[in-house]
N, C-alpha and C. Protein backbone atom coordinates (compact mmCIF):
# COMPACT_ATOMS: atom_id res chain seq x y z
N MET A 1 115.95 81.52 117.42
CA MET A 1 114.63 82.05 117.76
C MET A 1 113.79 82.23 116.50
N ALA A 2 112.58 81.69 116.51
CA ALA A 2 111.71 81.76 115.34
C ALA A 2 111.23 83.18 115.11
N THR A 3 111.18 83.57 113.84
CA THR A 3 110.69 84.90 113.47
C THR A 3 109.17 84.90 113.52
N LYS A 4 108.62 85.93 114.16
CA LYS A 4 107.17 86.06 114.21
C LYS A 4 106.64 86.35 112.82
N LYS A 5 105.64 85.60 112.40
CA LYS A 5 105.08 85.79 111.07
C LYS A 5 104.17 87.01 111.03
N ILE A 6 104.20 87.70 109.90
CA ILE A 6 103.32 88.84 109.67
C ILE A 6 101.98 88.31 109.19
N ARG A 7 100.92 88.73 109.85
CA ARG A 7 99.57 88.35 109.43
C ARG A 7 99.07 89.44 108.48
N ALA A 8 98.97 89.09 107.21
CA ALA A 8 98.70 90.10 106.18
C ALA A 8 97.33 89.91 105.54
N ALA A 9 96.73 91.04 105.18
CA ALA A 9 95.49 91.06 104.40
C ALA A 9 95.78 91.76 103.08
N VAL A 10 95.11 91.34 102.03
CA VAL A 10 95.27 91.99 100.72
C VAL A 10 93.94 92.63 100.33
N LEU A 11 93.97 93.94 100.13
CA LEU A 11 92.82 94.68 99.63
C LEU A 11 92.85 94.69 98.11
N GLY A 12 91.74 94.35 97.48
CA GLY A 12 91.73 94.27 96.03
C GLY A 12 92.32 92.97 95.54
N ALA A 13 92.02 91.88 96.27
CA ALA A 13 92.65 90.59 95.99
C ALA A 13 92.22 89.97 94.65
N SER A 14 91.11 90.41 94.08
CA SER A 14 90.65 89.83 92.82
C SER A 14 91.11 90.61 91.60
N GLY A 15 91.91 91.67 91.81
CA GLY A 15 92.47 92.42 90.69
C GLY A 15 93.83 91.86 90.30
N TYR A 16 94.36 92.31 89.17
CA TYR A 16 95.64 91.78 88.69
C TYR A 16 96.79 92.16 89.62
N THR A 17 96.78 93.38 90.15
CA THR A 17 97.82 93.77 91.09
C THR A 17 97.71 92.95 92.37
N GLY A 18 96.49 92.81 92.87
CA GLY A 18 96.29 92.01 94.07
C GLY A 18 96.74 90.58 93.89
N ALA A 19 96.44 89.99 92.74
CA ALA A 19 96.83 88.60 92.46
C ALA A 19 98.34 88.44 92.45
N ASP A 20 99.05 89.41 91.88
CA ASP A 20 100.51 89.30 91.85
C ASP A 20 101.10 89.51 93.25
N LEU A 21 100.48 90.38 94.03
CA LEU A 21 100.92 90.54 95.42
C LEU A 21 100.73 89.23 96.19
N ILE A 22 99.62 88.57 95.97
CA ILE A 22 99.35 87.30 96.64
C ILE A 22 100.37 86.25 96.21
N ARG A 23 100.67 86.21 94.93
CA ARG A 23 101.65 85.25 94.42
C ARG A 23 103.00 85.42 95.10
N LEU A 24 103.41 86.67 95.28
CA LEU A 24 104.69 86.95 95.92
C LEU A 24 104.64 86.66 97.43
N ALA A 25 103.59 87.14 98.07
CA ALA A 25 103.50 87.00 99.52
C ALA A 25 103.35 85.54 99.95
N ALA A 26 102.68 84.73 99.12
CA ALA A 26 102.45 83.32 99.46
C ALA A 26 103.75 82.55 99.54
N ARG A 27 104.79 83.04 98.86
CA ARG A 27 106.08 82.36 98.87
C ARG A 27 106.99 82.87 99.98
N HIS A 28 106.57 83.91 100.67
CA HIS A 28 107.42 84.52 101.69
C HIS A 28 107.34 83.72 102.99
N PRO A 29 108.47 83.31 103.55
CA PRO A 29 108.45 82.45 104.75
C PRO A 29 107.94 83.12 106.01
N ASN A 30 107.91 84.46 106.02
CA ASN A 30 107.51 85.16 107.23
C ASN A 30 106.16 85.87 107.11
N ILE A 31 105.38 85.51 106.09
CA ILE A 31 104.07 86.12 105.89
C ILE A 31 103.00 85.04 105.86
N THR A 32 101.92 85.28 106.59
CA THR A 32 100.73 84.45 106.52
C THR A 32 99.61 85.29 105.92
N LEU A 33 99.06 84.86 104.81
CA LEU A 33 97.94 85.58 104.20
C LEU A 33 96.67 85.20 104.95
N THR A 34 96.22 86.12 105.77
CA THR A 34 95.10 85.86 106.69
C THR A 34 93.75 86.22 106.09
N ALA A 35 93.73 87.26 105.25
CA ALA A 35 92.46 87.71 104.66
C ALA A 35 92.70 88.23 103.25
N LEU A 36 91.85 87.80 102.33
CA LEU A 36 91.88 88.27 100.94
C LEU A 36 90.55 88.97 100.67
N ILE A 37 90.64 90.28 100.46
CA ILE A 37 89.43 91.11 100.41
C ILE A 37 89.10 91.49 98.96
N ALA A 38 87.91 91.11 98.54
CA ALA A 38 87.44 91.43 97.19
C ALA A 38 85.92 91.43 97.21
N LYS A 39 85.36 92.59 97.36
CA LYS A 39 83.90 92.71 97.56
C LYS A 39 83.10 92.04 96.46
N GLY A 40 83.51 92.20 95.22
CA GLY A 40 82.73 91.68 94.11
C GLY A 40 82.77 90.16 93.98
N HIS A 41 83.76 89.52 94.60
CA HIS A 41 83.90 88.07 94.49
C HIS A 41 83.86 87.39 95.86
N ALA A 42 83.35 88.07 96.85
CA ALA A 42 83.32 87.53 98.21
C ALA A 42 82.63 86.17 98.23
N GLY A 43 83.22 85.25 98.98
CA GLY A 43 82.67 83.90 99.11
C GLY A 43 83.28 82.91 98.14
N GLN A 44 83.99 83.41 97.12
CA GLN A 44 84.60 82.52 96.13
C GLN A 44 86.04 82.17 96.51
N PRO A 45 86.52 81.00 96.13
CA PRO A 45 87.95 80.70 96.26
C PRO A 45 88.73 81.57 95.27
N LEU A 46 89.93 81.96 95.64
CA LEU A 46 90.73 82.78 94.73
C LEU A 46 91.00 82.04 93.43
N GLY A 47 91.18 80.72 93.51
CA GLY A 47 91.46 79.93 92.32
C GLY A 47 90.35 79.96 91.30
N GLN A 48 89.15 80.32 91.71
CA GLN A 48 88.03 80.44 90.77
C GLN A 48 88.17 81.70 89.93
N VAL A 49 88.81 82.71 90.50
CA VAL A 49 89.05 83.97 89.78
C VAL A 49 90.36 83.91 89.01
N PHE A 50 91.38 83.35 89.65
CA PHE A 50 92.71 83.20 89.03
C PHE A 50 93.14 81.74 89.14
N PRO A 51 92.85 80.95 88.12
CA PRO A 51 93.18 79.52 88.17
C PRO A 51 94.65 79.22 88.44
N HIS A 52 95.56 80.11 88.03
CA HIS A 52 96.99 79.84 88.24
C HIS A 52 97.38 79.91 89.71
N LEU A 53 96.48 80.41 90.58
CA LEU A 53 96.75 80.47 92.02
C LEU A 53 95.95 79.41 92.79
N ALA A 54 95.28 78.53 92.07
CA ALA A 54 94.40 77.55 92.72
C ALA A 54 95.16 76.57 93.60
N SER A 55 96.43 76.34 93.31
CA SER A 55 97.21 75.36 94.09
C SER A 55 97.65 75.89 95.45
N LEU A 56 97.53 77.20 95.65
CA LEU A 56 97.95 77.79 96.92
C LEU A 56 96.89 77.55 97.99
N ASN A 57 97.35 77.31 99.20
CA ASN A 57 96.45 77.11 100.33
C ASN A 57 96.08 78.47 100.92
N LEU A 58 94.97 79.04 100.44
CA LEU A 58 94.60 80.41 100.79
C LEU A 58 93.16 80.46 101.29
N PRO A 59 92.85 81.47 102.11
CA PRO A 59 91.46 81.64 102.55
C PRO A 59 90.59 82.12 101.39
N LYS A 60 89.28 81.97 101.51
CA LYS A 60 88.35 82.45 100.49
C LYS A 60 88.31 83.98 100.49
N LEU A 61 87.87 84.52 99.40
CA LEU A 61 87.70 85.96 99.28
C LEU A 61 86.55 86.42 100.17
N VAL A 62 86.76 87.58 100.81
CA VAL A 62 85.75 88.11 101.74
C VAL A 62 85.59 89.61 101.53
N THR A 63 84.58 90.19 102.18
CA THR A 63 84.43 91.64 102.21
C THR A 63 85.19 92.21 103.41
N SER A 64 85.42 93.50 103.42
CA SER A 64 86.12 94.13 104.55
C SER A 64 85.38 93.93 105.86
N ASP A 65 84.06 93.94 105.80
CA ASP A 65 83.26 93.79 107.02
C ASP A 65 83.41 92.42 107.66
N GLU A 66 83.84 91.43 106.90
CA GLU A 66 83.99 90.08 107.42
C GLU A 66 85.35 89.83 108.07
N VAL A 67 86.26 90.77 107.95
CA VAL A 67 87.62 90.58 108.45
C VAL A 67 87.70 90.89 109.94
N ASP A 68 88.38 90.03 110.68
CA ASP A 68 88.70 90.29 112.08
C ASP A 68 90.02 91.05 112.11
N TRP A 69 89.94 92.37 112.18
CA TRP A 69 91.13 93.21 112.05
C TRP A 69 92.09 93.06 113.22
N SER A 70 91.65 92.50 114.32
CA SER A 70 92.56 92.25 115.44
C SER A 70 93.58 91.16 115.10
N MET A 71 93.31 90.42 114.02
CA MET A 71 94.20 89.34 113.59
C MET A 71 95.10 89.76 112.42
N ILE A 72 95.12 91.05 112.12
CA ILE A 72 95.88 91.55 110.97
C ILE A 72 96.98 92.52 111.44
N ASP A 73 98.19 92.32 110.94
CA ASP A 73 99.32 93.21 111.24
C ASP A 73 99.61 94.17 110.09
N LEU A 74 99.36 93.71 108.88
CA LEU A 74 99.75 94.44 107.68
C LEU A 74 98.67 94.31 106.62
N VAL A 75 98.39 95.43 105.95
CA VAL A 75 97.49 95.41 104.79
C VAL A 75 98.29 95.83 103.56
N VAL A 76 98.20 95.00 102.53
CA VAL A 76 98.80 95.35 101.23
C VAL A 76 97.65 95.69 100.30
N CYS A 77 97.67 96.89 99.77
CA CYS A 77 96.54 97.38 98.99
C CYS A 77 96.84 97.36 97.50
N GLY A 78 96.02 96.60 96.76
CA GLY A 78 96.16 96.54 95.31
C GLY A 78 95.03 97.22 94.58
N LEU A 79 94.31 98.09 95.28
CA LEU A 79 93.21 98.83 94.67
C LEU A 79 93.73 99.98 93.80
N PRO A 80 92.95 100.44 92.82
CA PRO A 80 93.38 101.57 91.99
C PRO A 80 93.34 102.89 92.74
N HIS A 81 94.08 103.87 92.24
CA HIS A 81 94.05 105.18 92.88
C HIS A 81 92.65 105.76 92.79
N GLY A 82 92.30 106.55 93.78
CA GLY A 82 90.95 107.09 93.85
C GLY A 82 90.02 106.22 94.67
N THR A 83 90.37 104.94 94.78
CA THR A 83 89.62 104.00 95.61
C THR A 83 90.42 103.59 96.83
N ALA A 84 91.73 103.44 96.65
CA ALA A 84 92.60 102.95 97.72
C ALA A 84 92.52 103.82 98.97
N HIS A 85 92.61 105.15 98.82
CA HIS A 85 92.65 106.01 100.00
C HIS A 85 91.36 105.93 100.82
N GLN A 86 90.24 105.68 100.14
CA GLN A 86 88.97 105.56 100.86
C GLN A 86 88.95 104.34 101.76
N GLU A 87 89.48 103.22 101.26
CA GLU A 87 89.49 101.98 102.03
C GLU A 87 90.57 102.00 103.11
N ILE A 88 91.71 102.57 102.80
CA ILE A 88 92.80 102.65 103.76
C ILE A 88 92.41 103.52 104.95
N ALA A 89 91.64 104.57 104.70
CA ALA A 89 91.20 105.45 105.78
C ALA A 89 90.33 104.74 106.81
N LYS A 90 89.71 103.63 106.44
CA LYS A 90 88.83 102.89 107.35
C LYS A 90 89.59 101.91 108.25
N LEU A 91 90.86 101.69 107.98
CA LEU A 91 91.62 100.67 108.70
C LEU A 91 92.02 101.12 110.09
N PRO A 92 92.15 100.19 111.05
CA PRO A 92 92.63 100.54 112.39
C PRO A 92 94.02 101.19 112.33
N GLU A 93 94.25 102.15 113.21
CA GLU A 93 95.49 102.94 113.14
C GLU A 93 96.74 102.13 113.43
N ARG A 94 96.63 101.03 114.12
CA ARG A 94 97.83 100.26 114.48
C ARG A 94 98.36 99.44 113.29
N ILE A 95 97.55 99.25 112.25
CA ILE A 95 97.94 98.39 111.14
C ILE A 95 98.86 99.14 110.17
N LYS A 96 99.94 98.44 109.76
CA LYS A 96 100.83 99.00 108.76
C LYS A 96 100.30 98.70 107.37
N ILE A 97 100.65 99.58 106.43
CA ILE A 97 100.05 99.52 105.09
C ILE A 97 101.11 99.65 104.02
N ILE A 98 101.02 98.80 103.01
CA ILE A 98 101.80 98.97 101.78
C ILE A 98 100.78 99.22 100.68
N ASP A 99 100.84 100.39 100.07
CA ASP A 99 99.86 100.77 99.06
C ASP A 99 100.50 100.79 97.69
N MET A 100 99.94 100.01 96.77
CA MET A 100 100.48 99.93 95.42
C MET A 100 99.86 100.94 94.47
N SER A 101 98.84 101.68 94.92
CA SER A 101 98.22 102.68 94.06
C SER A 101 99.03 103.98 94.10
N ALA A 102 98.53 104.99 93.41
CA ALA A 102 99.21 106.29 93.41
C ALA A 102 98.74 107.21 94.53
N ASP A 103 97.83 106.73 95.37
CA ASP A 103 97.16 107.63 96.31
C ASP A 103 98.06 108.21 97.39
N PHE A 104 99.17 107.55 97.69
CA PHE A 104 100.03 108.07 98.76
C PHE A 104 101.46 108.31 98.29
N ARG A 105 101.65 108.42 96.99
CA ARG A 105 102.99 108.71 96.47
C ARG A 105 103.31 110.19 96.50
N LEU A 106 102.25 111.01 96.51
CA LEU A 106 102.46 112.47 96.51
C LEU A 106 101.93 113.06 97.80
N ASN A 107 102.79 113.82 98.50
CA ASN A 107 102.36 114.48 99.73
C ASN A 107 101.66 115.81 99.46
N ASP A 108 101.94 116.40 98.31
CA ASP A 108 101.32 117.68 97.96
C ASP A 108 99.93 117.43 97.40
N LEU A 109 98.91 117.87 98.12
CA LEU A 109 97.52 117.57 97.74
C LEU A 109 97.11 118.28 96.44
N LYS A 110 97.64 119.46 96.19
CA LYS A 110 97.31 120.17 94.96
C LYS A 110 97.89 119.44 93.76
N THR A 111 99.10 118.92 93.92
CA THR A 111 99.72 118.16 92.84
C THR A 111 98.95 116.87 92.58
N TYR A 112 98.50 116.23 93.65
CA TYR A 112 97.71 115.01 93.51
C TYR A 112 96.43 115.30 92.71
N ALA A 113 95.73 116.34 93.08
CA ALA A 113 94.47 116.70 92.40
C ALA A 113 94.72 117.02 90.93
N GLU A 114 95.84 117.66 90.65
CA GLU A 114 96.17 118.04 89.28
C GLU A 114 96.43 116.80 88.42
N TRP A 115 97.16 115.83 88.97
CA TRP A 115 97.56 114.66 88.19
C TRP A 115 96.48 113.59 88.14
N TYR A 116 95.69 113.47 89.20
CA TYR A 116 94.75 112.35 89.28
C TYR A 116 93.29 112.77 89.21
N GLY A 117 93.06 114.04 88.92
CA GLY A 117 91.73 114.49 88.56
C GLY A 117 90.71 114.53 89.68
N GLY A 118 91.14 114.77 90.89
CA GLY A 118 90.19 114.85 91.99
C GLY A 118 90.90 115.05 93.31
N ASN A 119 90.16 115.50 94.32
CA ASN A 119 90.75 115.71 95.64
C ASN A 119 91.02 114.39 96.34
N HIS A 120 92.03 114.39 97.17
CA HIS A 120 92.39 113.21 97.94
C HIS A 120 91.34 112.98 99.03
N GLY A 121 90.92 111.72 99.18
CA GLY A 121 89.86 111.40 100.14
C GLY A 121 90.32 111.21 101.56
N ALA A 122 91.64 111.16 101.78
CA ALA A 122 92.17 110.99 103.15
C ALA A 122 93.41 111.85 103.31
N PRO A 123 93.25 113.17 103.20
CA PRO A 123 94.42 114.06 103.20
C PRO A 123 95.28 113.97 104.47
N GLU A 124 94.63 113.66 105.60
CA GLU A 124 95.40 113.58 106.85
C GLU A 124 96.39 112.41 106.84
N LEU A 125 96.11 111.38 106.05
CA LEU A 125 96.99 110.21 106.02
C LEU A 125 98.22 110.42 105.14
N THR A 126 98.16 111.40 104.25
CA THR A 126 99.32 111.64 103.39
C THR A 126 100.54 112.05 104.21
N LYS A 127 100.31 112.61 105.39
CA LYS A 127 101.42 113.01 106.27
C LYS A 127 102.14 111.80 106.85
N GLU A 128 101.45 110.65 106.89
CA GLU A 128 102.05 109.44 107.44
C GLU A 128 102.73 108.59 106.37
N ALA A 129 102.53 108.94 105.11
CA ALA A 129 103.01 108.10 104.02
C ALA A 129 104.44 108.44 103.62
N VAL A 130 105.21 107.39 103.30
CA VAL A 130 106.58 107.54 102.83
C VAL A 130 106.73 106.71 101.56
N TYR A 131 107.35 107.29 100.55
CA TYR A 131 107.56 106.54 99.32
C TYR A 131 108.69 105.53 99.52
N GLY A 132 108.49 104.30 99.01
CA GLY A 132 109.44 103.22 99.28
C GLY A 132 110.71 103.27 98.47
N LEU A 133 111.39 104.38 98.49
CA LEU A 133 112.66 104.55 97.78
C LEU A 133 113.74 104.78 98.84
N THR A 134 114.49 103.74 99.13
CA THR A 134 115.41 103.79 100.28
C THR A 134 116.55 104.79 100.10
N GLU A 135 116.97 105.01 98.84
CA GLU A 135 118.07 105.94 98.63
C GLU A 135 117.75 107.34 99.13
N HIS A 136 116.46 107.68 99.12
CA HIS A 136 116.05 109.02 99.54
C HIS A 136 115.33 109.04 100.89
N TYR A 137 114.62 107.97 101.21
CA TYR A 137 113.75 108.00 102.39
C TYR A 137 114.01 106.86 103.37
N GLY A 138 115.23 106.33 103.35
CA GLY A 138 115.57 105.19 104.20
C GLY A 138 115.26 105.39 105.67
N GLU A 139 115.64 106.53 106.21
CA GLU A 139 115.41 106.79 107.65
C GLU A 139 113.92 106.91 107.96
N LYS A 140 113.18 107.57 107.09
CA LYS A 140 111.74 107.74 107.33
C LYS A 140 110.99 106.41 107.23
N LEU A 141 111.49 105.52 106.37
CA LEU A 141 110.82 104.23 106.19
C LEU A 141 110.87 103.36 107.43
N LYS A 142 111.86 103.61 108.28
CA LYS A 142 112.02 102.77 109.47
C LYS A 142 110.78 102.77 110.35
N GLY A 143 110.16 103.92 110.47
CA GLY A 143 109.00 104.01 111.35
C GLY A 143 107.71 104.32 110.62
N ALA A 144 107.72 104.15 109.30
CA ALA A 144 106.55 104.53 108.52
C ALA A 144 105.37 103.60 108.77
N ARG A 145 104.19 104.19 108.82
CA ARG A 145 102.97 103.38 108.90
C ARG A 145 102.46 103.04 107.51
N ILE A 146 102.56 103.99 106.58
CA ILE A 146 102.10 103.77 105.21
C ILE A 146 103.30 103.90 104.27
N VAL A 147 103.53 102.86 103.48
CA VAL A 147 104.60 102.89 102.49
C VAL A 147 103.97 102.82 101.11
N ALA A 148 104.27 103.81 100.27
CA ALA A 148 103.74 103.85 98.91
C ALA A 148 104.75 103.20 97.98
N CYS A 149 104.30 102.21 97.22
CA CYS A 149 105.19 101.46 96.33
C CYS A 149 104.58 101.32 94.95
N ARG A 150 105.31 100.61 94.10
CA ARG A 150 104.79 100.27 92.78
C ARG A 150 105.13 98.82 92.50
N LEU A 151 104.36 98.20 91.62
CA LEU A 151 104.62 96.83 91.21
C LEU A 151 104.94 96.82 89.73
N TYR A 152 106.12 96.28 89.39
CA TYR A 152 106.53 96.22 88.00
C TYR A 152 106.60 94.77 87.55
N ARG A 153 106.31 94.53 86.27
CA ARG A 153 106.53 93.22 85.67
C ARG A 153 107.53 93.40 84.54
N ARG A 154 108.61 92.62 84.59
CA ARG A 154 109.62 92.72 83.54
C ARG A 154 109.40 91.61 82.52
N VAL A 155 109.06 91.97 81.29
CA VAL A 155 108.81 90.98 80.26
C VAL A 155 110.14 90.44 79.75
N GLY A 156 110.23 89.11 79.65
CA GLY A 156 111.43 88.49 79.12
C GLY A 156 112.49 88.21 80.15
N ARG A 157 112.28 88.61 81.37
CA ARG A 157 113.27 88.40 82.42
C ARG A 157 112.73 87.53 83.54
N GLY A 158 111.61 86.85 83.29
CA GLY A 158 111.00 86.07 84.35
C GLY A 158 110.10 86.95 85.19
N ASP A 159 109.39 86.35 86.13
CA ASP A 159 108.49 87.10 87.00
C ASP A 159 109.27 87.71 88.14
N GLU A 160 109.52 89.00 88.06
CA GLU A 160 110.23 89.70 89.11
C GLU A 160 109.44 90.92 89.51
N ALA A 161 109.31 91.15 90.78
CA ALA A 161 108.66 92.37 91.26
C ALA A 161 109.70 93.45 91.41
N HIS A 162 109.25 94.68 91.37
CA HIS A 162 110.13 95.81 91.68
C HIS A 162 110.68 95.61 93.08
N PRO A 163 112.01 95.75 93.29
CA PRO A 163 112.59 95.50 94.61
C PRO A 163 111.92 96.27 95.73
N GLY A 164 111.49 97.51 95.47
CA GLY A 164 110.85 98.30 96.51
C GLY A 164 109.54 97.71 96.98
N GLU A 165 108.87 96.94 96.10
CA GLU A 165 107.60 96.32 96.50
C GLU A 165 107.82 95.05 97.27
N SER A 166 108.58 94.11 96.69
CA SER A 166 108.72 92.82 97.33
C SER A 166 109.48 92.93 98.64
N SER A 167 110.45 93.85 98.70
CA SER A 167 111.21 94.00 99.93
C SER A 167 110.40 94.66 101.02
N ALA A 168 109.44 95.51 100.62
CA ALA A 168 108.57 96.12 101.63
C ALA A 168 107.77 95.04 102.34
N LEU A 169 107.35 94.02 101.61
CA LEU A 169 106.62 92.92 102.22
C LEU A 169 107.47 92.24 103.28
N SER A 170 108.77 92.10 103.02
CA SER A 170 109.63 91.39 103.96
C SER A 170 110.10 92.28 105.10
N ALA A 171 110.12 93.59 104.88
CA ALA A 171 110.70 94.48 105.87
C ALA A 171 109.72 95.05 106.87
N LEU A 172 108.45 95.22 106.46
CA LEU A 172 107.48 95.87 107.33
C LEU A 172 106.91 94.90 108.37
N ARG A 173 107.74 94.47 109.30
CA ARG A 173 107.26 93.65 110.41
C ARG A 173 107.58 94.41 111.69
N SER A 174 106.92 94.07 112.76
CA SER A 174 107.02 94.81 114.01
C SER A 174 108.46 94.95 114.46
N GLY A 175 108.88 96.21 114.64
CA GLY A 175 110.19 96.49 115.20
C GLY A 175 111.33 96.34 114.22
N GLU A 176 111.06 95.96 112.99
CA GLU A 176 112.15 95.76 112.03
C GLU A 176 112.44 97.04 111.29
N ASP A 177 113.68 97.17 110.86
CA ASP A 177 114.13 98.33 110.12
C ASP A 177 113.69 98.18 108.67
N ALA A 178 112.61 98.84 108.30
CA ALA A 178 112.08 98.71 106.94
C ALA A 178 113.06 99.25 105.91
N GLY A 179 113.72 100.36 106.24
CA GLY A 179 114.68 100.95 105.30
C GLY A 179 115.81 100.00 104.98
N ALA A 180 116.33 99.33 105.99
CA ALA A 180 117.41 98.38 105.78
C ALA A 180 116.94 97.20 104.94
N GLY A 181 115.72 96.75 105.20
CA GLY A 181 115.19 95.62 104.43
C GLY A 181 115.02 95.97 102.97
N LEU A 182 114.52 97.16 102.69
CA LEU A 182 114.34 97.59 101.31
C LEU A 182 115.69 97.72 100.61
N ALA A 183 116.68 98.29 101.31
CA ALA A 183 118.00 98.47 100.72
C ALA A 183 118.65 97.13 100.41
N THR A 184 118.50 96.16 101.32
CA THR A 184 119.07 94.83 101.11
C THR A 184 118.47 94.17 99.87
N ALA A 185 117.16 94.27 99.72
CA ALA A 185 116.50 93.65 98.57
C ALA A 185 116.92 94.31 97.27
N ARG A 186 117.10 95.62 97.29
CA ARG A 186 117.57 96.31 96.08
C ARG A 186 118.97 95.82 95.70
N ARG A 187 119.86 95.67 96.71
CA ARG A 187 121.20 95.18 96.43
C ARG A 187 121.16 93.78 95.84
N GLN A 188 120.30 92.92 96.40
CA GLN A 188 120.18 91.56 95.90
C GLN A 188 119.68 91.54 94.46
N ALA A 189 118.70 92.39 94.15
CA ALA A 189 118.18 92.46 92.78
C ALA A 189 119.25 92.94 91.81
N ASN A 190 120.05 93.93 92.23
CA ASN A 190 121.12 94.43 91.38
C ASN A 190 122.19 93.36 91.16
N ASP A 191 122.48 92.58 92.21
CA ASP A 191 123.46 91.49 92.09
C ASP A 191 123.00 90.45 91.08
N ARG A 192 121.69 90.13 91.11
CA ARG A 192 121.15 89.15 90.17
C ARG A 192 121.27 89.65 88.74
N ARG A 193 121.01 90.94 88.54
CA ARG A 193 121.10 91.50 87.19
C ARG A 193 122.54 91.47 86.68
N ARG A 194 123.51 91.76 87.59
CA ARG A 194 124.91 91.78 87.17
C ARG A 194 125.39 90.39 86.78
N LYS A 195 124.82 89.35 87.39
CA LYS A 195 125.25 87.97 87.12
C LYS A 195 124.72 87.43 85.81
N ARG A 196 123.68 88.07 85.25
CA ARG A 196 123.12 87.61 83.99
C ARG A 196 124.05 87.99 82.84
N PRO A 197 124.43 87.03 82.01
CA PRO A 197 125.29 87.38 80.86
C PRO A 197 124.53 88.23 79.86
N GLU A 198 125.24 89.16 79.24
CA GLU A 198 124.63 89.95 78.20
C GLU A 198 124.34 89.07 76.99
N ARG A 199 123.22 89.31 76.33
CA ARG A 199 122.82 88.44 75.22
C ARG A 199 123.86 88.43 74.10
N GLY A 200 124.44 89.59 73.84
CA GLY A 200 125.45 89.67 72.80
C GLY A 200 126.65 88.80 73.10
N LYS A 201 127.10 88.81 74.35
CA LYS A 201 128.25 88.00 74.75
C LYS A 201 127.94 86.52 74.65
N VAL A 202 126.73 86.14 75.05
CA VAL A 202 126.35 84.72 74.95
C VAL A 202 126.38 84.26 73.50
N ASN A 203 125.84 85.08 72.61
CA ASN A 203 125.80 84.71 71.19
C ASN A 203 127.19 84.56 70.61
N ARG A 204 128.11 85.46 70.99
CA ARG A 204 129.47 85.37 70.48
C ARG A 204 130.15 84.10 70.97
N LEU A 205 129.91 83.74 72.24
CA LEU A 205 130.54 82.53 72.77
C LEU A 205 129.99 81.28 72.09
N GLU A 206 128.70 81.26 71.83
CA GLU A 206 128.07 80.11 71.19
C GLU A 206 128.53 79.96 69.74
N ALA A 207 128.79 81.13 69.11
CA ALA A 207 129.23 81.10 67.72
C ALA A 207 130.66 80.54 67.64
């Protein structure tokens, strides 16, 4: 039985975080990038903003108002904190969200204001958010509407995303156990790291 593809939109598609999310999602067999949202570059091909993504078969950049939200299952947000919560609050309630900003990592609103220098613009949504750390929140992630994640780049180890981010893309599909998907991806990432020879050992063998 064929797996139903997730129809995904990327908020902040013309930023560096958005571009890396697109790079990862475009390679995922169960994700279709349906809308790339970037108000400042609307109407342009993504390859005009990021030439290294020009070879991908992607829709043009658009504004939020141009998106047919009935055709979207998942929104991945690459906007900065302080902006992300404002845009996420406008989305239809049925859509699942992966937010890469800091806006939904903290449930305590006073702590958020202290660390990020202002009040949260969508305080009611913080109750729906779960941080994408399966070791602590695996059960809650199963039914979460908003998953707060981070995107890491490891220099010198190739282009790898933080397991919690890339696995969230694969796990947040209708009816799927997001917690299990995140845990599986973390195990796979750890297995890859264990298989890499230590540099010191390689040098000794070559010598």
